[in-house]
Amino acid sequence: MPHCSKPSHRFSEAECRLLYVGSDLGLLKSLRRTFGEPKYHIVSCPDRLSAEMFIKSQIQYHLFIFDHEMRDRAANELAGLLRSLDHRQNLPAIVVGAEVESAVREFTRASGGNDYVVKADHFSAVLRVVKRLLKDSVSKSARSESGTASRPDIGS
């Protein structure tokens, strides 16, 4: 059974951190293969409770990825929780899933996700969106830490 690591503040400043919430091992492997150590650190949580612990923590993340097909179907609720916290409001979050209906995409955006990406074709669309959002997030985070920007502003 997959498990979730405990929050840790032992990350180097140079690392980029992603939080993946879901139990799709294929997607997790693709993320780790594309965004591997040492530059990237991916924390995975298979359930809502462990994800809430990480979201509420003070650990800096650069991107949140929520799987719409997770066991307790909490992806949109977790995206909403993310947006309700001052220290997480402007961080990018995507919801990934198999459904292609526009209503799912609209609900995701209304819940607080930056985008809904369909998992298909070896996750290539998911990886493209993750790369784009990470580039923006890391760049804005670096400017914020150097004092040239007050808060990251993630657009759609």
N, C-alpha and C. Protein backbone atom coordinates (compact mmCIF):
# COMPACT_ATOMS: atom_id res chain seq x y z
N MET A 1 0.84 -1.18 0.00
CA MET A 1 0.00 0.00 0.00
C MET A 1 0.89 1.25 0.00
N PRO A 2 0.62 2.24 -0.85
CA PRO A 2 1.44 3.44 -0.89
C PRO A 2 1.34 4.19 0.42
N HIS A 3 2.40 4.89 0.76
CA HIS A 3 2.38 5.68 1.98
C HIS A 3 2.93 7.06 1.70
N CYS A 4 2.74 7.92 2.65
CA CYS A 4 3.13 9.31 2.52
C CYS A 4 4.23 9.60 3.51
N SER A 5 5.28 10.26 3.08
CA SER A 5 6.36 10.65 3.98
C SER A 5 5.87 11.73 4.92
N LYS A 6 6.55 11.87 6.05
CA LYS A 6 6.21 12.94 6.99
C LYS A 6 6.82 14.24 6.50
N PRO A 7 6.14 15.38 6.80
CA PRO A 7 6.71 16.66 6.38
C PRO A 7 8.11 16.84 6.94
N SER A 8 8.97 17.39 6.13
CA SER A 8 10.35 17.61 6.54
C SER A 8 10.82 18.95 6.02
N HIS A 9 11.63 19.62 6.79
CA HIS A 9 12.18 20.90 6.36
C HIS A 9 13.63 20.73 5.93
N ARG A 10 14.04 19.52 5.56
CA ARG A 10 15.42 19.24 5.21
C ARG A 10 15.72 19.38 3.73
N PHE A 11 14.97 20.14 2.99
CA PHE A 11 15.21 20.32 1.57
C PHE A 11 16.22 21.43 1.37
N SER A 12 17.06 21.29 0.37
CA SER A 12 17.98 22.38 0.04
C SER A 12 17.20 23.48 -0.66
N GLU A 13 17.72 24.69 -0.62
CA GLU A 13 17.05 25.82 -1.25
C GLU A 13 16.97 25.67 -2.77
N ALA A 14 17.89 24.91 -3.36
CA ALA A 14 17.93 24.79 -4.82
C ALA A 14 16.87 23.83 -5.35
N GLU A 15 16.32 23.00 -4.49
CA GLU A 15 15.36 22.01 -4.95
C GLU A 15 14.01 22.62 -5.27
N CYS A 16 13.33 21.97 -6.17
CA CYS A 16 11.97 22.33 -6.55
C CYS A 16 11.08 21.22 -6.01
N ARG A 17 10.06 21.58 -5.26
CA ARG A 17 9.21 20.59 -4.61
C ARG A 17 7.82 20.54 -5.22
N LEU A 18 7.36 19.31 -5.48
CA LEU A 18 6.03 19.06 -6.00
C LEU A 18 5.31 18.15 -5.02
N LEU A 19 4.01 18.38 -4.84
CA LEU A 19 3.20 17.49 -4.04
C LEU A 19 2.20 16.82 -4.98
N TYR A 20 2.28 15.50 -5.08
CA TYR A 20 1.33 14.72 -5.89
C TYR A 20 0.38 14.01 -4.95
N VAL A 21 -0.91 14.22 -5.12
CA VAL A 21 -1.93 13.59 -4.29
C VAL A 21 -2.73 12.65 -5.18
N GLY A 22 -2.56 11.35 -4.96
CA GLY A 22 -3.26 10.35 -5.75
C GLY A 22 -2.58 9.01 -5.62
N SER A 23 -3.13 8.03 -6.31
CA SER A 23 -2.57 6.68 -6.21
C SER A 23 -2.27 6.07 -7.57
N ASP A 24 -2.16 6.89 -8.60
CA ASP A 24 -1.84 6.40 -9.94
C ASP A 24 -0.32 6.22 -10.03
N LEU A 25 0.12 4.99 -9.85
CA LEU A 25 1.56 4.72 -9.84
C LEU A 25 2.21 5.02 -11.19
N GLY A 26 1.48 4.86 -12.28
CA GLY A 26 2.01 5.17 -13.60
C GLY A 26 2.32 6.65 -13.73
N LEU A 27 1.41 7.49 -13.28
CA LEU A 27 1.64 8.93 -13.32
C LEU A 27 2.78 9.32 -12.39
N LEU A 28 2.80 8.76 -11.19
CA LEU A 28 3.87 9.07 -10.25
C LEU A 28 5.23 8.68 -10.83
N LYS A 29 5.32 7.52 -11.46
CA LYS A 29 6.59 7.10 -12.08
C LYS A 29 6.99 8.04 -13.21
N SER A 30 6.02 8.48 -14.02
CA SER A 30 6.33 9.42 -15.10
C SER A 30 6.82 10.75 -14.54
N LEU A 31 6.19 11.22 -13.47
CA LEU A 31 6.64 12.46 -12.84
C LEU A 31 8.06 12.31 -12.31
N ARG A 32 8.32 11.20 -11.63
CA ARG A 32 9.67 10.99 -11.06
C ARG A 32 10.72 10.80 -12.14
N ARG A 33 10.34 10.17 -13.24
CA ARG A 33 11.29 9.96 -14.34
C ARG A 33 11.63 11.31 -15.00
N THR A 34 10.63 12.17 -15.14
CA THR A 34 10.82 13.46 -15.79
C THR A 34 11.39 14.51 -14.84
N PHE A 35 10.94 14.50 -13.59
CA PHE A 35 11.34 15.51 -12.61
C PHE A 35 11.99 14.81 -11.43
N GLY A 36 13.17 14.25 -11.66
CA GLY A 36 13.81 13.44 -10.64
C GLY A 36 14.77 14.20 -9.76
N GLU A 37 15.26 13.48 -8.76
CA GLU A 37 16.27 14.00 -7.84
C GLU A 37 17.56 14.25 -8.62
N PRO A 38 18.42 15.13 -8.25
CA PRO A 38 18.38 15.93 -7.03
C PRO A 38 17.70 17.29 -7.21
N LYS A 39 17.44 17.68 -8.44
CA LYS A 39 16.86 19.01 -8.66
C LYS A 39 15.42 19.10 -8.17
N TYR A 40 14.65 18.05 -8.35
CA TYR A 40 13.24 18.04 -7.98
C TYR A 40 13.00 17.03 -6.87
N HIS A 41 12.10 17.38 -6.00
CA HIS A 41 11.69 16.45 -4.95
C HIS A 41 10.17 16.31 -5.04
N ILE A 42 9.69 15.08 -5.24
CA ILE A 42 8.26 14.83 -5.36
C ILE A 42 7.79 14.10 -4.11
N VAL A 43 6.86 14.70 -3.41
CA VAL A 43 6.23 14.07 -2.26
C VAL A 43 4.90 13.52 -2.76
N SER A 44 4.62 12.26 -2.44
CA SER A 44 3.35 11.69 -2.88
C SER A 44 2.50 11.30 -1.68
N CYS A 45 1.23 11.58 -1.80
CA CYS A 45 0.25 11.26 -0.76
C CYS A 45 -0.91 10.53 -1.42
N PRO A 46 -1.27 9.36 -0.92
CA PRO A 46 -2.35 8.60 -1.54
C PRO A 46 -3.75 8.96 -1.06
N ASP A 47 -3.85 9.78 -0.01
CA ASP A 47 -5.19 10.04 0.53
C ASP A 47 -5.34 11.48 1.01
N ARG A 48 -6.57 11.84 1.29
CA ARG A 48 -6.93 13.20 1.67
C ARG A 48 -6.27 13.64 2.98
N LEU A 49 -6.29 12.79 4.00
CA LEU A 49 -5.76 13.20 5.31
C LEU A 49 -4.28 13.53 5.26
N SER A 50 -3.49 12.68 4.63
CA SER A 50 -2.06 12.97 4.55
C SER A 50 -1.81 14.20 3.67
N ALA A 51 -2.61 14.37 2.63
CA ALA A 51 -2.46 15.54 1.76
C ALA A 51 -2.76 16.82 2.53
N GLU A 52 -3.79 16.81 3.34
CA GLU A 52 -4.13 17.99 4.14
C GLU A 52 -2.97 18.38 5.05
N MET A 53 -2.29 17.39 5.62
CA MET A 53 -1.15 17.65 6.50
C MET A 53 -0.06 18.41 5.73
N PHE A 54 0.23 17.97 4.52
CA PHE A 54 1.27 18.63 3.73
C PHE A 54 0.83 20.01 3.25
N ILE A 55 -0.42 20.13 2.84
CA ILE A 55 -0.92 21.41 2.35
C ILE A 55 -0.89 22.46 3.46
N LYS A 56 -1.27 22.07 4.66
CA LYS A 56 -1.31 23.01 5.78
C LYS A 56 0.07 23.31 6.37
N SER A 57 1.06 22.49 6.04
CA SER A 57 2.41 22.69 6.58
C SER A 57 3.03 23.98 6.02
N GLN A 58 4.15 24.36 6.58
CA GLN A 58 4.86 25.55 6.11
C GLN A 58 5.93 25.20 5.07
N ILE A 59 6.00 23.95 4.66
CA ILE A 59 6.98 23.54 3.65
C ILE A 59 6.67 24.23 2.33
N GLN A 60 7.70 24.76 1.70
CA GLN A 60 7.49 25.44 0.42
C GLN A 60 7.40 24.42 -0.70
N TYR A 61 6.32 24.51 -1.47
CA TYR A 61 6.15 23.70 -2.67
C TYR A 61 6.06 24.65 -3.86
N HIS A 62 6.39 24.13 -5.03
CA HIS A 62 6.31 24.93 -6.25
C HIS A 62 5.12 24.55 -7.11
N LEU A 63 4.54 23.37 -6.85
CA LEU A 63 3.40 22.91 -7.64
C LEU A 63 2.67 21.80 -6.89
N PHE A 64 1.34 21.83 -6.99
CA PHE A 64 0.49 20.79 -6.41
C PHE A 64 -0.23 20.08 -7.56
N ILE A 65 -0.23 18.74 -7.51
CA ILE A 65 -0.90 17.94 -8.54
C ILE A 65 -1.88 17.03 -7.82
N PHE A 66 -3.17 17.18 -8.13
CA PHE A 66 -4.21 16.38 -7.50
C PHE A 66 -4.83 15.46 -8.54
N ASP A 67 -4.92 14.18 -8.22
CA ASP A 67 -5.53 13.20 -9.13
C ASP A 67 -7.03 13.14 -8.88
N HIS A 68 -7.80 13.44 -9.91
CA HIS A 68 -9.26 13.45 -9.81
C HIS A 68 -9.81 12.07 -9.47
N GLU A 69 -9.08 11.01 -9.81
CA GLU A 69 -9.55 9.65 -9.56
C GLU A 69 -9.07 9.09 -8.23
N MET A 70 -8.56 9.92 -7.33
CA MET A 70 -8.09 9.40 -6.04
C MET A 70 -9.25 8.75 -5.29
N ARG A 71 -8.90 7.87 -4.36
CA ARG A 71 -9.89 7.03 -3.67
C ARG A 71 -11.07 7.81 -3.10
N ASP A 72 -10.81 8.91 -2.41
CA ASP A 72 -11.91 9.63 -1.77
C ASP A 72 -12.42 10.81 -2.59
N ARG A 73 -12.01 10.87 -3.85
CA ARG A 73 -12.51 11.89 -4.80
C ARG A 73 -12.43 13.31 -4.23
N ALA A 74 -11.33 13.63 -3.57
CA ALA A 74 -11.21 14.90 -2.87
C ALA A 74 -10.35 15.92 -3.60
N ALA A 75 -10.00 15.68 -4.85
CA ALA A 75 -9.07 16.56 -5.56
C ALA A 75 -9.54 18.01 -5.57
N ASN A 76 -10.77 18.25 -5.92
CA ASN A 76 -11.26 19.63 -5.99
C ASN A 76 -11.39 20.26 -4.60
N GLU A 77 -11.76 19.46 -3.62
CA GLU A 77 -11.83 19.98 -2.25
C GLU A 77 -10.44 20.37 -1.75
N LEU A 78 -9.44 19.57 -2.08
CA LEU A 78 -8.06 19.90 -1.68
C LEU A 78 -7.56 21.14 -2.40
N ALA A 79 -7.93 21.31 -3.66
CA ALA A 79 -7.56 22.54 -4.38
C ALA A 79 -8.22 23.74 -3.71
N GLY A 80 -9.45 23.58 -3.25
CA GLY A 80 -10.13 24.66 -2.53
C GLY A 80 -9.45 24.97 -1.20
N LEU A 81 -9.01 23.93 -0.48
CA LEU A 81 -8.27 24.13 0.77
C LEU A 81 -6.99 24.90 0.50
N LEU A 82 -6.30 24.53 -0.56
CA LEU A 82 -5.07 25.22 -0.95
C LEU A 82 -5.32 26.72 -1.10
N ARG A 83 -6.39 27.08 -1.78
CA ARG A 83 -6.70 28.49 -2.03
C ARG A 83 -7.17 29.22 -0.78
N SER A 84 -7.62 28.48 0.23
CA SER A 84 -8.11 29.13 1.45
C SER A 84 -6.98 29.50 2.41
N LEU A 85 -5.78 29.01 2.15
CA LEU A 85 -4.63 29.27 3.03
C LEU A 85 -3.80 30.42 2.46
N ASP A 86 -3.51 31.41 3.29
CA ASP A 86 -2.76 32.59 2.83
C ASP A 86 -1.44 32.22 2.16
N HIS A 87 -0.70 31.28 2.75
CA HIS A 87 0.62 30.95 2.21
C HIS A 87 0.57 30.03 0.99
N ARG A 88 -0.61 29.64 0.55
CA ARG A 88 -0.74 28.76 -0.63
C ARG A 88 -1.60 29.38 -1.74
N GLN A 89 -2.21 30.52 -1.51
CA GLN A 89 -3.19 31.06 -2.44
C GLN A 89 -2.71 31.19 -3.88
N ASN A 90 -1.49 31.58 -4.09
CA ASN A 90 -1.02 31.87 -5.44
C ASN A 90 -0.12 30.80 -6.04
N LEU A 91 -0.05 29.65 -5.40
CA LEU A 91 0.78 28.58 -5.94
C LEU A 91 -0.01 27.79 -6.98
N PRO A 92 0.65 27.31 -8.02
CA PRO A 92 -0.06 26.57 -9.06
C PRO A 92 -0.53 25.20 -8.58
N ALA A 93 -1.72 24.82 -9.02
CA ALA A 93 -2.30 23.52 -8.71
C ALA A 93 -3.05 23.02 -9.93
N ILE A 94 -2.81 21.76 -10.27
CA ILE A 94 -3.56 21.17 -11.38
C ILE A 94 -4.26 19.92 -10.87
N VAL A 95 -5.36 19.62 -11.52
CA VAL A 95 -6.10 18.39 -11.27
C VAL A 95 -5.97 17.57 -12.55
N VAL A 96 -5.60 16.31 -12.40
CA VAL A 96 -5.47 15.43 -13.56
C VAL A 96 -6.50 14.32 -13.45
N GLY A 97 -7.00 13.86 -14.58
CA GLY A 97 -7.99 12.80 -14.57
C GLY A 97 -8.26 12.27 -15.96
N ALA A 98 -9.16 11.31 -16.03
CA ALA A 98 -9.47 10.68 -17.31
C ALA A 98 -10.67 11.31 -18.01
N GLU A 99 -11.46 12.08 -17.29
CA GLU A 99 -12.67 12.66 -17.88
C GLU A 99 -12.31 13.83 -18.80
N VAL A 100 -13.03 13.93 -19.91
CA VAL A 100 -12.72 14.98 -20.88
C VAL A 100 -13.81 16.04 -20.97
N GLU A 101 -14.86 15.93 -20.17
CA GLU A 101 -15.96 16.88 -20.26
C GLU A 101 -15.54 18.27 -19.79
N SER A 102 -16.03 19.30 -20.46
CA SER A 102 -15.68 20.67 -20.09
C SER A 102 -16.23 21.04 -18.72
N ALA A 103 -17.31 20.40 -18.28
CA ALA A 103 -17.87 20.69 -16.96
C ALA A 103 -16.87 20.35 -15.86
N VAL A 104 -16.11 19.27 -16.03
CA VAL A 104 -15.10 18.89 -15.05
C VAL A 104 -14.01 19.95 -15.00
N ARG A 105 -13.58 20.43 -16.15
CA ARG A 105 -12.56 21.47 -16.23
C ARG A 105 -13.05 22.76 -15.54
N GLU A 106 -14.28 23.14 -15.81
CA GLU A 106 -14.84 24.36 -15.20
C GLU A 106 -14.95 24.22 -13.69
N PHE A 107 -15.39 23.04 -13.22
CA PHE A 107 -15.50 22.81 -11.78
C PHE A 107 -14.13 22.89 -11.12
N THR A 108 -13.12 22.35 -11.79
CA THR A 108 -11.76 22.40 -11.26
C THR A 108 -11.30 23.84 -11.09
N ARG A 109 -11.50 24.65 -12.10
CA ARG A 109 -11.09 26.07 -12.00
C ARG A 109 -11.87 26.79 -10.91
N ALA A 110 -13.16 26.51 -10.81
CA ALA A 110 -13.98 27.15 -9.77
C ALA A 110 -13.56 26.72 -8.37
N SER A 111 -13.03 25.51 -8.26
CA SER A 111 -12.59 24.99 -6.96
C SER A 111 -11.22 25.52 -6.55
N GLY A 112 -10.46 26.05 -7.48
CA GLY A 112 -9.16 26.59 -7.13
C GLY A 112 -8.00 26.03 -7.92
N GLY A 113 -8.25 25.09 -8.80
CA GLY A 113 -7.17 24.55 -9.63
C GLY A 113 -6.85 25.49 -10.77
N ASN A 114 -5.58 25.54 -11.16
CA ASN A 114 -5.19 26.35 -12.31
C ASN A 114 -5.63 25.71 -13.62
N ASP A 115 -5.67 24.37 -13.63
CA ASP A 115 -6.04 23.68 -14.86
C ASP A 115 -6.45 22.26 -14.53
N TYR A 116 -7.20 21.66 -15.46
CA TYR A 116 -7.54 20.25 -15.42
C TYR A 116 -6.90 19.63 -16.66
N VAL A 117 -6.11 18.59 -16.47
CA VAL A 117 -5.40 17.98 -17.59
C VAL A 117 -5.81 16.52 -17.69
N VAL A 118 -6.14 16.09 -18.89
CA VAL A 118 -6.55 14.71 -19.12
C VAL A 118 -5.32 13.82 -19.14
N LYS A 119 -5.40 12.71 -18.38
CA LYS A 119 -4.32 11.71 -18.35
C LYS A 119 -4.52 10.78 -19.53
N ALA A 120 -3.70 10.91 -20.52
CA ALA A 120 -3.78 10.03 -21.68
C ALA A 120 -2.43 10.06 -22.38
N ASP A 121 -2.23 9.16 -23.31
CA ASP A 121 -1.04 9.20 -24.15
C ASP A 121 0.25 9.28 -23.32
N HIS A 122 0.40 8.36 -22.39
CA HIS A 122 1.61 8.29 -21.56
C HIS A 122 1.86 9.58 -20.77
N PHE A 123 0.80 10.27 -20.40
CA PHE A 123 0.86 11.44 -19.54
C PHE A 123 1.60 12.63 -20.16
N SER A 124 1.77 12.64 -21.48
CA SER A 124 2.55 13.73 -22.10
C SER A 124 1.92 15.09 -21.86
N ALA A 125 0.59 15.19 -21.91
CA ALA A 125 -0.08 16.48 -21.69
C ALA A 125 0.14 16.94 -20.25
N VAL A 126 0.06 16.01 -19.30
CA VAL A 126 0.28 16.35 -17.89
C VAL A 126 1.71 16.86 -17.71
N LEU A 127 2.67 16.17 -18.27
CA LEU A 127 4.07 16.57 -18.11
C LEU A 127 4.34 17.94 -18.73
N ARG A 128 3.71 18.24 -19.88
CA ARG A 128 3.87 19.56 -20.51
C ARG A 128 3.35 20.67 -19.60
N VAL A 129 2.16 20.48 -19.02
CA VAL A 129 1.58 21.49 -18.14
C VAL A 129 2.42 21.64 -16.87
N VAL A 130 2.87 20.53 -16.31
CA VAL A 130 3.72 20.58 -15.12
C VAL A 130 4.99 21.37 -15.41
N LYS A 131 5.64 21.11 -16.53
CA LYS A 131 6.87 21.84 -16.89
C LYS A 131 6.60 23.34 -16.99
N ARG A 132 5.51 23.71 -17.65
CA ARG A 132 5.19 25.14 -17.81
C ARG A 132 4.92 25.80 -16.47
N LEU A 133 4.10 25.17 -15.63
CA LEU A 133 3.77 25.77 -14.34
C LEU A 133 4.97 25.81 -13.40
N LEU A 134 5.81 24.78 -13.45
CA LEU A 134 7.02 24.78 -12.61
C LEU A 134 7.96 25.91 -13.01
N LYS A 135 8.14 26.10 -14.30
CA LYS A 135 9.02 27.15 -14.77
C LYS A 135 8.55 28.51 -14.24
N ASP A 136 7.24 28.76 -14.35
CA ASP A 136 6.68 30.02 -13.85
C ASP A 136 6.81 30.12 -12.34
N SER A 137 6.48 29.05 -11.63
CA SER A 137 6.48 29.07 -10.18
C SER A 137 7.88 29.26 -9.60
N VAL A 138 8.85 28.53 -10.13
CA VAL A 138 10.23 28.65 -9.64
C VAL A 138 10.77 30.03 -9.94
N SER A 139 10.49 30.55 -11.11
CA SER A 139 10.94 31.89 -11.48
C SER A 139 10.34 32.94 -10.55
N LYS A 140 9.05 32.85 -10.28
CA LYS A 140 8.40 33.81 -9.41
C LYS A 140 8.85 33.66 -7.97
N SER A 141 9.11 32.43 -7.55
CA SER A 141 9.59 32.19 -6.20
C SER A 141 10.98 32.80 -6.01
N ALA A 142 11.83 32.66 -7.01
CA ALA A 142 13.19 33.23 -6.93
C ALA A 142 13.13 34.75 -6.88
N ARG A 143 12.26 35.36 -7.68
CA ARG A 143 12.12 36.82 -7.65
C ARG A 143 11.58 37.28 -6.30
N SER A 144 10.65 36.52 -5.75
CA SER A 144 10.07 36.86 -4.45
C SER A 144 11.13 36.82 -3.35
N GLU A 145 11.97 35.77 -3.37
CA GLU A 145 13.01 35.64 -2.36
C GLU A 145 14.08 36.71 -2.50
N SER A 146 14.30 37.21 -3.71
CA SER A 146 15.32 38.24 -3.91
C SER A 146 14.74 39.63 -3.68
N GLY A 147 13.43 39.71 -3.44
CA GLY A 147 12.81 40.99 -3.16
C GLY A 147 12.30 41.73 -4.37
N THR A 148 12.36 41.15 -5.57
CA THR A 148 11.89 41.84 -6.76
C THR A 148 10.42 41.63 -7.03
N ALA A 149 9.79 40.75 -6.25
CA ALA A 149 8.34 40.53 -6.38
C ALA A 149 7.80 40.20 -5.01
N SER A 150 6.63 40.72 -4.69
CA SER A 150 6.08 40.50 -3.36
C SER A 150 5.40 39.14 -3.23
N ARG A 151 4.64 38.72 -4.23
CA ARG A 151 3.96 37.43 -4.20
C ARG A 151 3.87 36.88 -5.60
N PRO A 152 4.00 35.57 -5.75
CA PRO A 152 3.81 35.00 -7.09
C PRO A 152 2.38 35.21 -7.55
N ASP A 153 2.21 35.47 -8.84
CA ASP A 153 0.87 35.63 -9.40
C ASP A 153 0.72 34.62 -10.51
N ILE A 154 -0.03 33.56 -10.23
CA ILE A 154 -0.20 32.48 -11.20
C ILE A 154 -1.42 32.78 -12.05
N GLY A 155 -1.22 32.90 -13.32
CA GLY A 155 -2.34 33.12 -14.25
C GLY A 155 -2.78 31.82 -14.86
N SER A 156 -3.85 31.88 -15.63
CA SER A 156 -4.35 30.63 -16.26
C SER A 156 -3.81 30.46 -17.64
